[in-house]
PDB file of N, CA and C in Angstrom:
ATOM      1  N   UNK A   1      51.603 161.997  24.991  1.00  0.00           N
ATOM      2  CA  UNK A   1      51.071 162.950  25.697  1.00  0.00           C
ATOM      3  C   UNK A   1      52.278 163.108  27.170  1.00  0.00           C
ATOM      4  N   UNK A   2      52.287 164.266  27.512  1.00  0.00           N
ATOM      5  CA  UNK A   2      53.380 164.511  28.630  1.00  0.00           C
ATOM      6  C   UNK A   2      52.652 164.385  29.934  1.00  0.00           C
ATOM      7  N   UNK A   3      53.652 164.329  30.907  1.00  0.00           N
ATOM      8  CA  UNK A   3      53.176 164.140  32.353  1.00  0.00           C
ATOM      9  C   UNK A   3      52.252 165.229  32.849  1.00  0.00           C
ATOM     10  N   UNK A   4      52.560 166.333  32.384  1.00  0.00           N
ATOM     11  CA  UNK A   4      51.431 167.470  32.820  1.00  0.00           C
ATOM     12  C   UNK A   4      50.016 167.113  32.364  1.00  0.00           C
ATOM     13  N   UNK A   5      50.074 167.042  30.965  1.00  0.00           N
ATOM     14  CA  UNK A   5      48.660 166.678  30.509  1.00  0.00           C
ATOM     15  C   UNK A   5      48.184 165.542  31.204  1.00  0.00           C
ATOM     16  N   UNK A   6      48.719 164.388  31.313  1.00  0.00           N
ATOM     17  CA  UNK A   6      48.254 163.249  32.036  1.00  0.00           C
ATOM     18  C   UNK A   6      47.666 163.631  33.396  1.00  0.00           C
ATOM     19  N   UNK A   7      48.466 164.369  34.054  1.00  0.00           N
ATOM     20  CA  UNK A   7      47.932 164.695  35.445  1.00  0.00           C
ATOM     21  C   UNK A   7      46.679 165.668  35.545  1.00  0.00           C
ATOM     22  N   UNK A   8      46.503 166.697  34.520  1.00  0.00           N
ATOM     23  CA  UNK A   8      45.375 167.444  34.216  1.00  0.00           C
ATOM     24  C   UNK A   8      44.113 166.477  33.929  1.00  0.00           C
ATOM     25  N   UNK A   9      44.268 165.475  33.133  1.00  0.00           N
ATOM     26  CA  UNK A   9      43.265 164.585  32.748  1.00  0.00           C
ATOM     27  C   UNK A   9      42.843 163.755  33.981  1.00  0.00           C
ATOM     28  N   UNK A  10      43.813 163.341  34.608  1.00  0.00           N
ATOM     29  CA  UNK A  10      43.575 162.568  35.864  1.00  0.00           C
ATOM     30  C   UNK A  10      42.755 163.430  36.704  1.00  0.00           C
ATOM     31  N   UNK A  11      43.018 164.602  37.103  1.00  0.00           N
ATOM     32  CA  UNK A  11      42.300 165.511  37.915  1.00  0.00           C
ATOM     33  C   UNK A  11      40.749 165.755  37.492  1.00  0.00           C
ATOM     34  N   UNK A  12      40.741 165.828  36.080  1.00  0.00           N
ATOM     35  CA  UNK A  12      39.481 165.981  35.711  1.00  0.00           C
ATOM     36  C   UNK A  12      38.678 165.074  36.013  1.00  0.00           C
ATOM     37  N   UNK A  13      39.074 163.864  35.698  1.00  0.00           N
ATOM     38  CA  UNK A  13      38.261 162.575  36.040  1.00  0.00           C
ATOM     39  C   UNK A  13      38.086 162.228  37.312  1.00  0.00           C
ATOM     40  N   UNK A  14      38.860 162.779  38.383  1.00  0.00           N
ATOM     41  CA  UNK A  14      38.664 162.450  39.762  1.00  0.00           C
ATOM     42  C   UNK A  14      37.509 163.589  40.152  1.00  0.00           C
ATOM     43  N   UNK A  15      37.619 164.638  39.356  1.00  0.00           N
ATOM     44  CA  UNK A  15      36.332 165.834  39.954  1.00  0.00           C
ATOM     45  C   UNK A  15      35.050 165.579  39.156  1.00  0.00           C
ATOM     46  N   UNK A  16      34.808 164.275  38.347  1.00  0.00           N
ATOM     47  CA  UNK A  16      33.534 164.001  37.583  1.00  0.00           C
ATOM     48  C   UNK A  16      32.440 163.338  38.650  1.00  0.00           C
ATOM     49  N   UNK A  17      31.438 163.469  38.421  1.00  0.00           N
ATOM     50  CA  UNK A  17      30.442 162.927  39.009  1.00  0.00           C
ATOM     51  C   UNK A  17      30.198 161.609  38.731  1.00  0.00           C
ATOM     52  N   UNK A  18      29.579 160.785  39.356  1.00  0.00           N
ATOM     53  CA  UNK A  18      29.307 159.408  39.039  1.00  0.00           C
ATOM     54  C   UNK A  18      28.907 159.238  37.632  1.00  0.00           C
ATOM     55  N   UNK A  19      27.902 159.778  37.326  1.00  0.00           N
ATOM     56  CA  UNK A  19      27.195 159.839  35.890  1.00  0.00           C
ATOM     57  C   UNK A  19      28.193 160.145  34.866  1.00  0.00           C
ATOM     58  N   UNK A  20      28.906 161.337  35.138  1.00  0.00           N
ATOM     59  CA  UNK A  20      29.812 161.691  34.168  1.00  0.00           C
ATOM     60  C   UNK A  20      30.999 160.973  34.022  1.00  0.00           C
ATOM     61  N   UNK A  21      31.465 160.263  34.901  1.00  0.00           N
ATOM     62  CA  UNK A  21      32.562 159.234  34.943  1.00  0.00           C
ATOM     63  C   UNK A  21      31.979 158.147  34.157  1.00  0.00           C
ATOM     64  N   UNK A  22      31.062 157.386  34.225  1.00  0.00           N
ATOM     65  CA  UNK A  22      30.429 156.341  33.488  1.00  0.00           C
ATOM     66  C   UNK A  22      30.238 156.650  32.335  1.00  0.00           C
ATOM     67  N   UNK A  23      29.729 158.033  31.851  1.00  0.00           N
ATOM     68  CA  UNK A  23      29.381 158.232  30.316  1.00  0.00           C
ATOM     69  C   UNK A  23      30.880 158.605  29.676  1.00  0.00           C
ATOM     70  N   UNK A  24      31.857 158.901  30.536  1.00  0.00           N
ATOM     71  CA  UNK A  24      33.227 159.042  29.980  1.00  0.00           C
ATOM     72  C   UNK A  24      33.909 157.662  29.616  1.00  0.00           C
ATOM     73  N   UNK A  25      33.860 156.900  30.737  1.00  0.00           N
ATOM     74  CA  UNK A  25      34.200 155.578  30.357  1.00  0.00           C
ATOM     75  C   UNK A  25      33.449 154.913  29.232  1.00  0.00           C
ATOM     76  N   UNK A  26      32.385 155.012  29.080  1.00  0.00           N
ATOM     77  CA  UNK A  26      31.542 154.382  28.037  1.00  0.00           C
ATOM     78  C   UNK A  26      32.172 154.973  26.749  1.00  0.00           C
ATOM     79  N   UNK A  27      32.543 156.258  26.461  1.00  0.00           N
ATOM     80  CA  UNK A  27      33.269 156.912  25.444  1.00  0.00           C
ATOM     81  C   UNK A  27      34.464 156.371  25.251  1.00  0.00           C
ATOM     82  N   UNK A  28      35.152 156.155  26.215  1.00  0.00           N
ATOM     83  CA  UNK A  28      36.529 155.536  25.954  1.00  0.00           C
ATOM     84  C   UNK A  28      36.607 153.892  25.662  1.00  0.00           C
ATOM     85  N   UNK A  29      35.718 153.492  26.347  1.00  0.00           N
ATOM     86  CA  UNK A  29      35.636 151.927  25.807  1.00  0.00           C
ATOM     87  C   UNK A  29      35.154 151.900  24.369  1.00  0.00           C
ATOM     88  N   UNK A  30      33.962 152.752  23.862  1.00  0.00           N
ATOM     89  CA  UNK A  30      33.656 152.599  22.538  1.00  0.00           C
ATOM     90  C   UNK A  30      34.612 153.166  21.678  1.00  0.00           C
ATOM     91  N   UNK A  31      35.596 153.872  21.856  1.00  0.00           N
ATOM     92  CA  UNK A  31      36.640 154.243  21.075  1.00  0.00           C
ATOM     93  C   UNK A  31      37.664 152.981  20.978  1.00  0.00           C
ATOM     94  N   UNK A  32      37.982 152.330  21.950  1.00  0.00           N
ATOM     95  CA  UNK A  32      38.726 151.216  22.019  1.00  0.00           C
ATOM     96  C   UNK A  32      38.107 150.000  21.143  1.00  0.00           C
ATOM     97  N   UNK A  33      36.790 149.815  21.255  1.00  0.00           N
ATOM     98  CA  UNK A  33      36.097 148.915  20.604  1.00  0.00           C
ATOM     99  C   UNK A  33      36.127 149.250  18.957  1.00  0.00           C
ATOM    100  N   UNK A  34      35.964 150.614  18.755  1.00  0.00           N
ATOM    101  CA  UNK A  34      36.077 150.915  17.376  1.00  0.00           C
ATOM    102  C   UNK A  34      37.392 150.704  16.588  1.00  0.00           C
ATOM    103  N   UNK A  35      38.563 150.991  17.635  1.00  0.00           N
ATOM    104  CA  UNK A  35      39.766 150.703  16.953  1.00  0.00           C
ATOM    105  C   UNK A  35      39.854 149.120  16.672  1.00  0.00           C
ATOM    106  N   UNK A  36      39.404 148.343  17.695  1.00  0.00           N
ATOM    107  CA  UNK A  36      39.653 146.737  17.692  1.00  0.00           C
ATOM    108  C   UNK A  36      38.724 146.327  16.318  1.00  0.00           C
ATOM    109  N   UNK A  37      37.644 147.040  16.094  1.00  0.00           N
ATOM    110  CA  UNK A  37      36.771 146.712  14.952  1.00  0.00           C
ATOM    111  C   UNK A  37      37.571 146.943  13.690  1.00  0.00           C
ATOM    112  N   UNK A  38      38.186 148.112  13.748  1.00  0.00           N
ATOM    113  CA  UNK A  38      38.935 148.469  12.336  1.00  0.00           C
ATOM    114  C   UNK A  38      40.041 147.258  12.191  1.00  0.00           C
ATOM    115  N   UNK A  39      40.550 146.970  13.342  1.00  0.00           N
ATOM    116  CA  UNK A  39      41.667 145.872  13.029  1.00  0.00           C
ATOM    117  C   UNK A  39      41.243 144.566  12.647  1.00  0.00           C
ATOM    118  N   UNK A  40      40.161 144.120  13.184  1.00  0.00           N
ATOM    119  CA  UNK A  40      39.547 142.706  12.981  1.00  0.00           C
ATOM    120  C   UNK A  40      39.006 142.843  11.288  1.00  0.00           C
ATOM    121  N   UNK A  41      38.360 144.056  10.958  1.00  0.00           N
ATOM    122  CA  UNK A  41      37.817 144.132   9.674  1.00  0.00           C
ATOM    123  C   UNK A  41      38.855 144.135   8.639  1.00  0.00           C
ATOM    124  N   UNK A  42      40.197 144.857   8.800  1.00  0.00           N
ATOM    125  CA  UNK A  42      41.236 144.628   8.002  1.00  0.00           C
ATOM    126  C   UNK A  42      41.631 143.317   7.996  1.00  0.00           C
ATOM    127  N   UNK A  43      41.699 142.686   8.984  1.00  0.00           N
ATOM    128  CA  UNK A  43      42.247 141.231   8.881  1.00  0.00           C
ATOM    129  C   UNK A  43      41.265 140.201   8.260  1.00  0.00           C
ATOM    130  N   UNK A  44      40.054 140.236   8.564  1.00  0.00           N
ATOM    131  CA  UNK A  44      39.153 139.635   7.931  1.00  0.00           C
ATOM    132  C   UNK A  44      38.802 139.789   6.370  1.00  0.00           C
ATOM    133  N   UNK A  45      39.098 141.005   5.941  1.00  0.00           N
ATOM    134  CA  UNK A  45      39.060 141.491   4.610  1.00  0.00           C
ATOM    135  C   UNK A  45      40.190 140.607   3.814  1.00  0.00           C
ATOM    136  N   UNK A  46      41.258 140.352   4.351  1.00  0.00           N
ATOM    137  CA  UNK A  46      42.155 139.674   3.735  1.00  0.00           C
ATOM    138  C   UNK A  46      41.847 137.967   3.644  1.00  0.00           C
ATOM    139  N   UNK A  47      41.221 137.511   4.656  1.00  0.00           N
ATOM    140  CA  UNK A  47      41.394 136.056   4.728  1.00  0.00           C
ATOM    141  C   UNK A  47      39.969 135.611   4.410  1.00  0.00           C
ATOM    142  N   UNK A  48      38.772 136.219   4.491  1.00  0.00           N
ATOM    143  CA  UNK A  48      37.482 135.637   4.378  1.00  0.00           C
ATOM    144  C   UNK A  48      36.788 136.242   3.050  1.00  0.00           C
ATOM    145  N   UNK A  49      36.043 135.684   2.626  1.00  0.00           N
ATOM    146  CA  UNK A  49      34.983 136.077   1.482  1.00  0.00           C
ATOM    147  C   UNK A  49      34.166 137.378   1.985  1.00  0.00           C
ATOM    148  N   UNK A  50      33.845 138.165   1.018  1.00  0.00           N
ATOM    149  CA  UNK A  50      33.086 139.273   1.463  1.00  0.00           C
ATOM    150  C   UNK A  50      31.672 138.946   2.330  1.00  0.00           C
ATOM    151  N   UNK A  51      31.025 137.921   1.853  1.00  0.00           N
ATOM    152  CA  UNK A  51      29.791 137.533   2.640  1.00  0.00           C
ATOM    153  C   UNK A  51      30.213 137.085   4.068  1.00  0.00           C
ATOM    154  N   UNK A  52      31.215 136.336   4.143  1.00  0.00           N
ATOM    155  CA  UNK A  52      31.665 135.835   5.560  1.00  0.00           C
ATOM    156  C   UNK A  52      32.119 137.220   6.222  1.00  0.00           C
ATOM    157  N   UNK A  53      32.821 137.981   5.898  1.00  0.00           N
ATOM    158  CA  UNK A  53      33.244 138.953   6.431  1.00  0.00           C
ATOM    159  C   UNK A  53      32.007 140.044   7.010  1.00  0.00           C
ATOM    160  N   UNK A  54      31.063 140.141   6.096  1.00  0.00           N
ATOM    161  CA  UNK A  54      30.083 141.032   6.702  1.00  0.00           C
ATOM    162  C   UNK A  54      29.212 140.246   7.698  1.00  0.00           C
ATOM    163  N   UNK A  55      29.117 138.969   7.670  1.00  0.00           N
ATOM    164  CA  UNK A  55      28.472 138.192   8.776  1.00  0.00           C
ATOM    165  C   UNK A  55      29.265 138.432  10.138  1.00  0.00           C
ATOM    166  N   UNK A  56      30.509 138.350  10.028  1.00  0.00           N
ATOM    167  CA  UNK A  56      31.574 138.691  11.313  1.00  0.00           C
ATOM    168  C   UNK A  56      31.270 139.997  11.780  1.00  0.00           C
ATOM    169  N   UNK A  57      31.218 141.010  10.811  1.00  0.00           N
ATOM    170  CA  UNK A  57      31.293 142.358  11.346  1.00  0.00           C
ATOM    171  C   UNK A  57      29.888 142.623  11.988  1.00  0.00           C
ATOM    172  N   UNK A  58      28.764 142.202  11.298  1.00  0.00           N
ATOM    173  CA  UNK A  58      27.404 142.200  11.978  1.00  0.00           C
ATOM    174  C   UNK A  58      27.220 141.462  13.307  1.00  0.00           C
ATOM    175  N   UNK A  59      27.872 140.465  13.548  1.00  0.00           N
ATOM    176  CA  UNK A  59      27.773 139.741  14.721  1.00  0.00           C
ATOM    177  C   UNK A  59      28.715 140.467  15.648  1.00  0.00           C
ATOM    178  N   UNK A  60      29.795 140.781  15.439  1.00  0.00           N
ATOM    179  CA  UNK A  60      30.537 141.643  16.445  1.00  0.00           C
ATOM    180  C   UNK A  60      29.851 142.940  16.785  1.00  0.00           C
ATOM    181  N   UNK A  61      28.932 143.674  15.979  1.00  0.00           N
ATOM    182  CA  UNK A  61      28.250 144.755  16.334  1.00  0.00           C
ATOM    183  C   UNK A  61      27.303 144.522  17.403  1.00  0.00           C
ATOM    184  N   UNK A  62      26.544 143.327  16.999  1.00  0.00           N
ATOM    185  CA  UNK A  62      25.514 142.853  17.820  1.00  0.00           C
ATOM    186  C   UNK A  62      26.013 142.740  19.315  1.00  0.00           C
ATOM    187  N   UNK A  63      27.146 141.840  19.177  1.00  0.00           N
ATOM    188  CA  UNK A  63      27.688 141.522  20.627  1.00  0.00           C
ATOM    189  C   UNK A  63      27.971 142.873  21.313  1.00  0.00           C
ATOM    190  N   UNK A  64      28.810 143.904  20.626  1.00  0.00           N
ATOM    191  CA  UNK A  64      29.052 145.041  21.350  1.00  0.00           C
ATOM    192  C   UNK A  64      27.876 145.901  22.017  1.00  0.00           C
ATOM    193  N   UNK A  65      26.754 145.924  21.077  1.00  0.00           N
ATOM    194  CA  UNK A  65      25.673 146.642  21.530  1.00  0.00           C
ATOM    195  C   UNK A  65      24.740 146.119  22.233  1.00  0.00           C
ATOM    196  N   UNK A  66      24.616 144.804  22.210  1.00  0.00           N
ATOM    197  CA  UNK A  66      23.478 143.922  22.949  1.00  0.00           C
ATOM    198  C   UNK A  66      23.960 143.274  24.272  1.00  0.00           C
ATOM    199  N   UNK A  67      25.193 142.554  24.150  1.00  0.00           N
ATOM    200  CA  UNK A  67      25.783 142.078  25.427  1.00  0.00           C
ATOM    201  C   UNK A  67      26.549 143.071  26.074  1.00  0.00           C
ATOM    202  N   UNK A  68      27.294 144.000  25.494  1.00  0.00           N
ATOM    203  CA  UNK A  68      28.175 144.943  26.299  1.00  0.00           C
ATOM    204  C   UNK A  68      27.368 146.277  26.492  1.00  0.00           C
ATOM    205  N   UNK A  69      26.250 146.611  25.877  1.00  0.00           N
ATOM    206  CA  UNK A  69      25.489 147.701  26.079  1.00  0.00           C
ATOM    207  C   UNK A  69      26.241 149.160  25.301  1.00  0.00           C
ATOM    208  N   UNK A  70      26.809 149.110  24.638  1.00  0.00           N
ATOM    209  CA  UNK A  70      27.612 150.037  24.163  1.00  0.00           C
ATOM    210  C   UNK A  70      27.281 150.430  22.751  1.00  0.00           C
ATOM    211  N   UNK A  71      26.461 151.590  22.662  1.00  0.00           N
ATOM    212  CA  UNK A  71      25.973 151.997  21.300  1.00  0.00           C
ATOM    213  C   UNK A  71      27.082 152.556  20.354  1.00  0.00           C
ATOM    214  N   UNK A  72      26.795 152.375  19.276  1.00  0.00           N
ATOM    215  CA  UNK A  72      27.667 152.876  17.941  1.00  0.00           C
ATOM    216  C   UNK A  72      27.921 154.337  18.238  1.00  0.00           C
ATOM    217  N   UNK A  73      29.153 154.859  18.286  1.00  0.00           N
ATOM    218  CA  UNK A  73      29.304 156.331  18.099  1.00  0.00           C
ATOM    219  C   UNK A  73      30.416 156.566  16.883  1.00  0.00           C
ATOM    220  N   UNK A  74      30.540 157.780  16.614  1.00  0.00           N
ATOM    221  CA  UNK A  74      31.355 158.119  15.588  1.00  0.00           C
ATOM    222  C   UNK A  74      32.444 159.025  16.112  1.00  0.00           C
ATOM    223  N   UNK A  75      33.526 158.868  15.734  1.00  0.00           N
ATOM    224  CA  UNK A  75      34.699 159.599  16.142  1.00  0.00           C
ATOM    225  C   UNK A  75      34.675 161.078  16.178  1.00  0.00           C
ATOM    226  N   UNK A  76      34.034 161.635  14.722  1.00  0.00           N
ATOM    227  CA  UNK A  76      33.726 162.953  14.404  1.00  0.00           C
ATOM    228  C   UNK A  76      32.734 163.475  15.255  1.00  0.00           C
ATOM    229  N   UNK A  77      31.790 162.992  15.732  1.00  0.00           N
ATOM    230  CA  UNK A  77      30.654 163.550  16.511  1.00  0.00           C
ATOM    231  C   UNK A  77      31.236 163.716  18.008  1.00  0.00           C
ATOM    232  N   UNK A  78      32.202 162.864  18.358  1.00  0.00           N
ATOM    233  CA  UNK A  78      32.220 162.996  19.903  1.00  0.00           C
ATOM    234  C   UNK A  78      33.671 163.389  20.275  1.00  0.00           C
ATOM    235  N   UNK A  79      34.798 162.984  19.612  1.00  0.00           N
ATOM    236  CA  UNK A  79      36.183 163.192  20.049  1.00  0.00           C
ATOM    237  C   UNK A  79      36.371 164.504  20.452  1.00  0.00           C
ATOM    238  N   UNK A  80      36.163 165.598  19.568  1.00  0.00           N
ATOM    239  CA  UNK A  80      36.459 166.927  19.995  1.00  0.00           C
ATOM    240  C   UNK A  80      35.925 167.284  21.399  1.00  0.00           C
ATOM    241  N   UNK A  81      34.526 167.110  21.474  1.00  0.00           N
ATOM    242  CA  UNK A  81      33.934 167.682  22.623  1.00  0.00           C
ATOM    243  C   UNK A  81      34.302 166.975  23.921  1.00  0.00           C
ATOM    244  N   UNK A  82      34.303 165.452  23.710  1.00  0.00           N
ATOM    245  CA  UNK A  82      34.845 164.751  24.924  1.00  0.00           C
ATOM    246  C   UNK A  82      36.142 165.012  25.445  1.00  0.00           C
ATOM    247  N   UNK A  83      37.080 165.120  24.313  1.00  0.00           N
ATOM    248  CA  UNK A  83      38.554 165.324  24.823  1.00  0.00           C
ATOM    249  C   UNK A  83      38.766 166.815  25.437  1.00  0.00           C
ATOM    250  N   UNK A  84      38.107 167.678  24.744  1.00  0.00           N
ATOM    251  CA  UNK A  84      37.971 168.956  25.512  1.00  0.00           C
ATOM    252  C   UNK A  84      37.729 169.007  26.895  1.00  0.00           C
ATOM    253  N   UNK A  85      36.686 168.535  27.043  1.00  0.00           N
ATOM    254  CA  UNK A  85      35.987 168.362  28.520  1.00  0.00           C
ATOM    255  C   UNK A  85      36.827 167.530  29.550  1.00  0.00           C
ATOM    256  N   UNK A  86      37.332 166.677  28.945  1.00  0.00           N
ATOM    257  CA  UNK A  86      38.090 165.773  29.737  1.00  0.00           C
ATOM    258  C   UNK A  86      39.583 166.399  30.087  1.00  0.00           C
ATOM    259  N   UNK A  87      39.994 166.753  28.871  1.00  0.00           N
ATOM    260  CA  UNK A  87      41.665 167.196  28.874  1.00  0.00           C
ATOM    261  C   UNK A  87      41.810 168.805  29.503  1.00  0.00           C
ATOM    262  N   UNK A  88      40.559 169.520  29.792  1.00  0.00           N
ATOM    263  CA  UNK A  88      40.685 170.559  30.199  1.00  0.00           C
ATOM    264  C   UNK A  88      40.679 171.945  29.466  1.00  0.00           C
TER     265      UNK A  88
END
C-alpha cells in the first residue's frame, strides 16, 4: 500500500462516527483473528490428532465470540464492501 492510499484511509477513519469506527475496528480485528485461526489450525493439523485439533478450534472460537465479543464473519461477505467504504 503506498503512502497516498494510507493517507486516504486515515482521513476516512478520522471522518467516521463513533459507531462506524468501532464497527470498522471489529471488522479489522475479526480479520486478524481469522488469519490467526488459519495459522494455528495449520499448526495443530500437523501436531495433534484430528479430535484434539477440533477441540482446540472449538475452544478458540468460543473464546473469540464469548470472551471478546467478536462474531464470526466471512471474508467474502465483508471484504469488498468494507474496504471500499474505508479506502475511498
